Amino acid sequence: MGEREKRYYVYIMASLSGTLYTGVTNSVCRRSQEHKWSEGSSFTTKYEVNRLVYYEVFRYVNNAISREKKIKGWRRSRKVTLIESQNPGWRDLSRDFGREFQPTAPGSSRDSLLRSE
């Protein structure tokens, strides 16, 4: 079977008021938990940006970083269109993947795919 293939994620988090944050990680599960626990970044903590509303999966880190930079350069309206293309209700996608996304289960890890490269 061989070694598990690495994956990299570009993700968008949102607050209830609509503030957006775009990031890149090698574990969307762990990273979304960190945002929920207010450990993600000072920006996401300050603005309570703790809902995973979108992510993409990449095989190569350079592709993920390039995509993150591209999305960060977009206007808000284009980011909203991107989110709503996959998640029209702005659901917290972290709730779809089980216990590992719950703030009470630190250290868990399971990578699920919304979109592939």
N, C-alpha and C. Protein backbone atom coordinates (compact mmCIF):
# COMPACT_ATOMS: atom_id res chain seq x y z
N MET A 1 0.82 -1.20 0.00
CA MET A 1 0.00 0.00 0.00
C MET A 1 0.85 1.25 0.00
N GLY A 2 1.94 1.34 0.70
CA GLY A 2 2.80 2.52 0.61
C GLY A 2 2.43 3.60 1.61
N GLU A 3 3.27 4.60 1.65
CA GLU A 3 3.09 5.71 2.56
C GLU A 3 1.89 6.57 2.16
N ARG A 4 1.18 7.06 3.12
CA ARG A 4 0.03 7.91 2.87
C ARG A 4 0.46 9.20 2.18
N GLU A 5 -0.25 9.54 1.15
CA GLU A 5 0.06 10.75 0.38
C GLU A 5 -0.27 11.99 1.20
N LYS A 6 0.65 12.95 1.22
CA LYS A 6 0.40 14.22 1.92
C LYS A 6 -0.66 15.01 1.19
N ARG A 7 -1.40 15.80 1.95
CA ARG A 7 -2.41 16.69 1.40
C ARG A 7 -2.25 18.04 2.05
N TYR A 8 -2.58 19.06 1.28
CA TYR A 8 -2.52 20.44 1.77
C TYR A 8 -3.86 21.08 1.45
N TYR A 9 -4.28 21.96 2.32
CA TYR A 9 -5.62 22.53 2.23
C TYR A 9 -5.57 24.05 2.21
N VAL A 10 -6.37 24.63 1.34
CA VAL A 10 -6.66 26.06 1.40
C VAL A 10 -8.07 26.11 1.97
N TYR A 11 -8.26 26.92 2.98
CA TYR A 11 -9.56 26.94 3.65
C TYR A 11 -10.01 28.37 3.91
N ILE A 12 -11.32 28.51 4.07
CA ILE A 12 -11.90 29.80 4.44
C ILE A 12 -12.74 29.59 5.68
N MET A 13 -12.45 30.38 6.69
CA MET A 13 -13.23 30.40 7.93
C MET A 13 -14.09 31.66 7.90
N ALA A 14 -15.21 31.62 8.62
CA ALA A 14 -16.10 32.78 8.68
C ALA A 14 -16.62 32.95 10.11
N SER A 15 -16.92 34.19 10.43
CA SER A 15 -17.59 34.47 11.71
C SER A 15 -19.08 34.52 11.44
N LEU A 16 -19.87 34.55 12.49
CA LEU A 16 -21.32 34.68 12.31
C LEU A 16 -21.69 36.00 11.67
N SER A 17 -20.85 37.02 11.86
CA SER A 17 -21.13 38.32 11.26
C SER A 17 -20.61 38.43 9.82
N GLY A 18 -19.90 37.39 9.34
CA GLY A 18 -19.47 37.38 7.96
C GLY A 18 -18.02 37.74 7.70
N THR A 19 -17.23 37.96 8.74
CA THR A 19 -15.81 38.21 8.56
C THR A 19 -15.17 36.93 8.02
N LEU A 20 -14.28 37.07 7.02
CA LEU A 20 -13.65 35.92 6.40
C LEU A 20 -12.15 35.87 6.68
N TYR A 21 -11.62 34.65 6.72
CA TYR A 21 -10.19 34.42 6.89
C TYR A 21 -9.80 33.27 5.97
N THR A 22 -8.77 33.46 5.17
CA THR A 22 -8.28 32.43 4.27
C THR A 22 -6.91 31.98 4.75
N GLY A 23 -6.69 30.66 4.78
CA GLY A 23 -5.42 30.13 5.22
C GLY A 23 -5.05 28.87 4.46
N VAL A 24 -3.86 28.35 4.77
CA VAL A 24 -3.37 27.11 4.19
C VAL A 24 -2.85 26.25 5.33
N THR A 25 -3.03 24.93 5.24
CA THR A 25 -2.62 24.02 6.29
C THR A 25 -2.40 22.62 5.72
N ASN A 26 -1.75 21.78 6.49
CA ASN A 26 -1.63 20.38 6.10
C ASN A 26 -2.64 19.50 6.84
N SER A 27 -3.47 20.11 7.68
CA SER A 27 -4.54 19.38 8.37
C SER A 27 -5.72 20.33 8.62
N VAL A 28 -6.71 20.25 7.77
CA VAL A 28 -7.87 21.14 7.90
C VAL A 28 -8.63 20.81 9.19
N CYS A 29 -8.59 19.57 9.60
CA CYS A 29 -9.23 19.17 10.85
C CYS A 29 -8.59 19.88 12.04
N ARG A 30 -7.29 19.71 12.18
CA ARG A 30 -6.57 20.33 13.30
C ARG A 30 -6.68 21.85 13.26
N ARG A 31 -6.52 22.42 12.09
CA ARG A 31 -6.51 23.88 11.97
C ARG A 31 -7.87 24.48 12.31
N SER A 32 -8.93 23.85 11.86
CA SER A 32 -10.26 24.38 12.20
C SER A 32 -10.52 24.28 13.70
N GLN A 33 -10.01 23.22 14.33
CA GLN A 33 -10.12 23.10 15.78
C GLN A 33 -9.39 24.25 16.47
N GLU A 34 -8.19 24.54 15.99
CA GLU A 34 -7.42 25.63 16.59
C GLU A 34 -8.19 26.95 16.50
N HIS A 35 -8.84 27.20 15.38
CA HIS A 35 -9.65 28.42 15.25
C HIS A 35 -10.81 28.39 16.24
N LYS A 36 -11.45 27.24 16.40
CA LYS A 36 -12.56 27.13 17.34
C LYS A 36 -12.11 27.37 18.77
N TRP A 37 -10.90 26.96 19.10
CA TRP A 37 -10.35 27.12 20.44
C TRP A 37 -9.68 28.48 20.63
N SER A 38 -9.83 29.37 19.65
CA SER A 38 -9.19 30.69 19.68
C SER A 38 -7.67 30.59 19.73
N GLU A 39 -7.13 29.58 19.09
CA GLU A 39 -5.69 29.40 18.99
C GLU A 39 -5.23 29.54 17.54
N GLY A 40 -6.14 29.86 16.63
CA GLY A 40 -5.81 29.89 15.21
C GLY A 40 -4.93 31.05 14.82
N SER A 41 -5.30 32.22 15.21
CA SER A 41 -4.54 33.43 14.92
C SER A 41 -5.16 34.56 15.73
N SER A 42 -4.42 35.64 15.90
CA SER A 42 -4.98 36.75 16.66
C SER A 42 -6.17 37.37 15.92
N PHE A 43 -6.11 37.40 14.59
CA PHE A 43 -7.22 37.96 13.80
C PHE A 43 -8.49 37.14 14.01
N THR A 44 -8.37 35.80 13.85
CA THR A 44 -9.58 34.98 13.98
C THR A 44 -10.11 34.97 15.40
N THR A 45 -9.22 35.08 16.37
CA THR A 45 -9.66 35.16 17.76
C THR A 45 -10.39 36.48 18.02
N LYS A 46 -9.82 37.58 17.58
CA LYS A 46 -10.41 38.90 17.80
C LYS A 46 -11.79 39.01 17.18
N TYR A 47 -11.96 38.48 15.95
CA TYR A 47 -13.23 38.62 15.23
C TYR A 47 -14.11 37.38 15.29
N GLU A 48 -13.75 36.42 16.15
CA GLU A 48 -14.53 35.19 16.35
C GLU A 48 -14.80 34.47 15.03
N VAL A 49 -13.75 34.34 14.23
CA VAL A 49 -13.83 33.65 12.94
C VAL A 49 -13.52 32.18 13.22
N ASN A 50 -14.57 31.37 13.38
CA ASN A 50 -14.37 30.00 13.84
C ASN A 50 -15.24 28.96 13.13
N ARG A 51 -15.79 29.30 11.99
CA ARG A 51 -16.63 28.36 11.24
C ARG A 51 -15.96 28.04 9.90
N LEU A 52 -15.69 26.76 9.66
CA LEU A 52 -15.10 26.33 8.40
C LEU A 52 -16.20 26.32 7.33
N VAL A 53 -16.09 27.22 6.35
CA VAL A 53 -17.15 27.32 5.34
C VAL A 53 -16.71 26.85 3.95
N TYR A 54 -15.39 26.64 3.77
CA TYR A 54 -14.91 26.22 2.45
C TYR A 54 -13.49 25.69 2.57
N TYR A 55 -13.19 24.67 1.76
CA TYR A 55 -11.80 24.27 1.62
C TYR A 55 -11.57 23.51 0.33
N GLU A 56 -10.32 23.52 -0.10
CA GLU A 56 -9.87 22.80 -1.28
C GLU A 56 -8.67 21.95 -0.86
N VAL A 57 -8.46 20.86 -1.57
CA VAL A 57 -7.37 19.94 -1.26
C VAL A 57 -6.36 19.94 -2.40
N PHE A 58 -5.08 19.93 -2.03
CA PHE A 58 -4.00 19.92 -3.01
C PHE A 58 -2.99 18.85 -2.66
N ARG A 59 -2.34 18.31 -3.65
CA ARG A 59 -1.29 17.32 -3.45
C ARG A 59 0.05 18.00 -3.12
N TYR A 60 0.27 19.18 -3.70
CA TYR A 60 1.56 19.85 -3.55
C TYR A 60 1.40 21.16 -2.79
N VAL A 61 2.27 21.39 -1.81
CA VAL A 61 2.18 22.57 -0.97
C VAL A 61 2.30 23.85 -1.77
N ASN A 62 3.17 23.88 -2.78
CA ASN A 62 3.32 25.10 -3.58
C ASN A 62 2.03 25.48 -4.29
N ASN A 63 1.28 24.49 -4.74
CA ASN A 63 -0.01 24.78 -5.38
C ASN A 63 -1.01 25.35 -4.37
N ALA A 64 -1.00 24.80 -3.17
CA ALA A 64 -1.90 25.30 -2.13
C ALA A 64 -1.55 26.74 -1.75
N ILE A 65 -0.27 27.03 -1.59
CA ILE A 65 0.15 28.38 -1.24
C ILE A 65 -0.20 29.37 -2.34
N SER A 66 0.01 28.97 -3.57
CA SER A 66 -0.34 29.83 -4.71
C SER A 66 -1.84 30.13 -4.73
N ARG A 67 -2.65 29.11 -4.50
CA ARG A 67 -4.11 29.30 -4.49
C ARG A 67 -4.53 30.19 -3.33
N GLU A 68 -3.92 30.00 -2.16
CA GLU A 68 -4.24 30.85 -1.00
C GLU A 68 -3.96 32.31 -1.33
N LYS A 69 -2.82 32.58 -1.91
CA LYS A 69 -2.47 33.96 -2.27
C LYS A 69 -3.45 34.54 -3.28
N LYS A 70 -3.86 33.72 -4.23
CA LYS A 70 -4.81 34.18 -5.24
C LYS A 70 -6.14 34.56 -4.57
N ILE A 71 -6.65 33.67 -3.74
CA ILE A 71 -7.93 33.93 -3.07
C ILE A 71 -7.83 35.15 -2.15
N LYS A 72 -6.73 35.29 -1.43
CA LYS A 72 -6.55 36.45 -0.55
C LYS A 72 -6.57 37.76 -1.32
N GLY A 73 -6.18 37.71 -2.58
CA GLY A 73 -6.18 38.92 -3.40
C GLY A 73 -7.54 39.28 -3.99
N TRP A 74 -8.49 38.39 -3.86
CA TRP A 74 -9.82 38.64 -4.41
C TRP A 74 -10.62 39.62 -3.55
N ARG A 75 -11.59 40.24 -4.19
CA ARG A 75 -12.58 41.03 -3.46
C ARG A 75 -13.50 40.09 -2.69
N ARG A 76 -14.12 40.63 -1.67
CA ARG A 76 -15.02 39.83 -0.84
C ARG A 76 -16.11 39.16 -1.68
N SER A 77 -16.69 39.86 -2.63
CA SER A 77 -17.79 39.30 -3.42
C SER A 77 -17.37 38.03 -4.16
N ARG A 78 -16.14 37.99 -4.63
CA ARG A 78 -15.67 36.80 -5.33
C ARG A 78 -15.46 35.64 -4.35
N LYS A 79 -14.99 35.94 -3.14
CA LYS A 79 -14.84 34.90 -2.12
C LYS A 79 -16.21 34.33 -1.74
N VAL A 80 -17.19 35.21 -1.61
CA VAL A 80 -18.55 34.77 -1.28
C VAL A 80 -19.08 33.84 -2.37
N THR A 81 -18.86 34.20 -3.63
CA THR A 81 -19.29 33.36 -4.75
C THR A 81 -18.62 32.00 -4.67
N LEU A 82 -17.33 31.97 -4.36
CA LEU A 82 -16.60 30.72 -4.22
C LEU A 82 -17.20 29.86 -3.11
N ILE A 83 -17.40 30.44 -1.96
CA ILE A 83 -17.98 29.71 -0.83
C ILE A 83 -19.34 29.15 -1.21
N GLU A 84 -20.19 29.99 -1.76
CA GLU A 84 -21.56 29.57 -2.07
C GLU A 84 -21.64 28.57 -3.22
N SER A 85 -20.58 28.46 -4.03
CA SER A 85 -20.57 27.45 -5.09
C SER A 85 -20.53 26.03 -4.50
N GLN A 86 -19.97 25.89 -3.32
CA GLN A 86 -19.86 24.58 -2.66
C GLN A 86 -20.70 24.49 -1.39
N ASN A 87 -21.00 25.61 -0.79
CA ASN A 87 -21.66 25.63 0.52
C ASN A 87 -22.66 26.80 0.56
N PRO A 88 -23.76 26.69 -0.19
CA PRO A 88 -24.69 27.83 -0.29
C PRO A 88 -25.31 28.27 1.03
N GLY A 89 -25.40 27.37 2.00
CA GLY A 89 -25.98 27.73 3.29
C GLY A 89 -24.96 28.19 4.32
N TRP A 90 -23.70 28.26 3.92
CA TRP A 90 -22.62 28.67 4.83
C TRP A 90 -22.58 27.81 6.09
N ARG A 91 -22.86 26.52 5.94
CA ARG A 91 -22.80 25.61 7.08
C ARG A 91 -21.37 25.54 7.59
N ASP A 92 -21.22 25.23 8.86
CA ASP A 92 -19.89 24.97 9.42
C ASP A 92 -19.52 23.55 9.00
N LEU A 93 -18.68 23.43 7.98
CA LEU A 93 -18.33 22.13 7.42
C LEU A 93 -17.61 21.24 8.41
N SER A 94 -17.00 21.83 9.41
CA SER A 94 -16.30 21.01 10.40
C SER A 94 -17.26 20.10 11.15
N ARG A 95 -18.50 20.43 11.19
CA ARG A 95 -19.49 19.59 11.88
C ARG A 95 -19.85 18.34 11.09
N ASP A 96 -19.51 18.31 9.81
CA ASP A 96 -19.85 17.17 8.96
C ASP A 96 -18.90 16.00 9.11
N PHE A 97 -17.77 16.19 9.75
CA PHE A 97 -16.74 15.18 9.72
C PHE A 97 -16.56 14.42 11.03
N GLY A 98 -17.44 14.56 11.96
CA GLY A 98 -17.38 13.74 13.16
C GLY A 98 -16.70 14.38 14.35
N ARG A 99 -16.44 13.56 15.34
CA ARG A 99 -15.89 14.00 16.63
C ARG A 99 -14.61 14.81 16.53
N GLU A 100 -13.77 14.49 15.56
CA GLU A 100 -12.48 15.16 15.50
C GLU A 100 -12.58 16.65 15.28
N PHE A 101 -13.76 17.15 14.89
CA PHE A 101 -13.93 18.58 14.72
C PHE A 101 -14.54 19.24 15.95
N GLN A 102 -14.89 18.47 16.93
CA GLN A 102 -15.49 19.03 18.13
C GLN A 102 -14.38 19.55 19.05
N PRO A 103 -14.57 20.74 19.62
CA PRO A 103 -13.54 21.32 20.49
C PRO A 103 -13.17 20.45 21.68
N THR A 104 -13.96 19.44 22.03
CA THR A 104 -13.67 18.60 23.18
C THR A 104 -12.78 17.41 22.83
N ALA A 105 -12.36 17.29 21.56
CA ALA A 105 -11.56 16.12 21.16
C ALA A 105 -10.21 16.55 20.58
N PRO A 106 -9.34 17.17 21.39
CA PRO A 106 -8.05 17.62 20.84
C PRO A 106 -7.19 16.44 20.40
N GLY A 107 -6.39 16.71 19.36
CA GLY A 107 -5.46 15.71 18.89
C GLY A 107 -6.01 14.74 17.86
N SER A 108 -7.30 14.77 17.61
CA SER A 108 -7.88 13.87 16.62
C SER A 108 -7.53 14.37 15.23
N SER A 109 -7.54 13.46 14.27
CA SER A 109 -7.21 13.87 12.91
C SER A 109 -7.85 12.93 11.90
N ARG A 110 -8.60 13.47 10.98
CA ARG A 110 -9.13 12.73 9.85
C ARG A 110 -9.35 13.72 8.75
N ASP A 111 -8.74 13.51 7.60
CA ASP A 111 -8.85 14.43 6.49
C ASP A 111 -9.92 13.94 5.54
N SER A 112 -10.94 14.76 5.32
CA SER A 112 -11.99 14.46 4.36
C SER A 112 -11.94 15.49 3.27
N LEU A 113 -12.43 15.14 2.12
CA LEU A 113 -12.29 16.02 0.95
C LEU A 113 -13.61 16.67 0.57
N LEU A 114 -13.59 17.95 0.35
CA LEU A 114 -14.72 18.66 -0.23
C LEU A 114 -14.47 18.80 -1.72
N ARG A 115 -13.26 19.21 -2.05
CA ARG A 115 -12.87 19.41 -3.44
C ARG A 115 -11.47 18.90 -3.63
N SER A 116 -11.23 18.26 -4.71
CA SER A 116 -9.89 17.80 -5.01
C SER A 116 -9.23 18.74 -5.99
N GLU A 117 -7.92 18.68 -6.00
CA GLU A 117 -7.10 19.48 -6.91
C GLU A 117 -7.47 19.17 -8.34
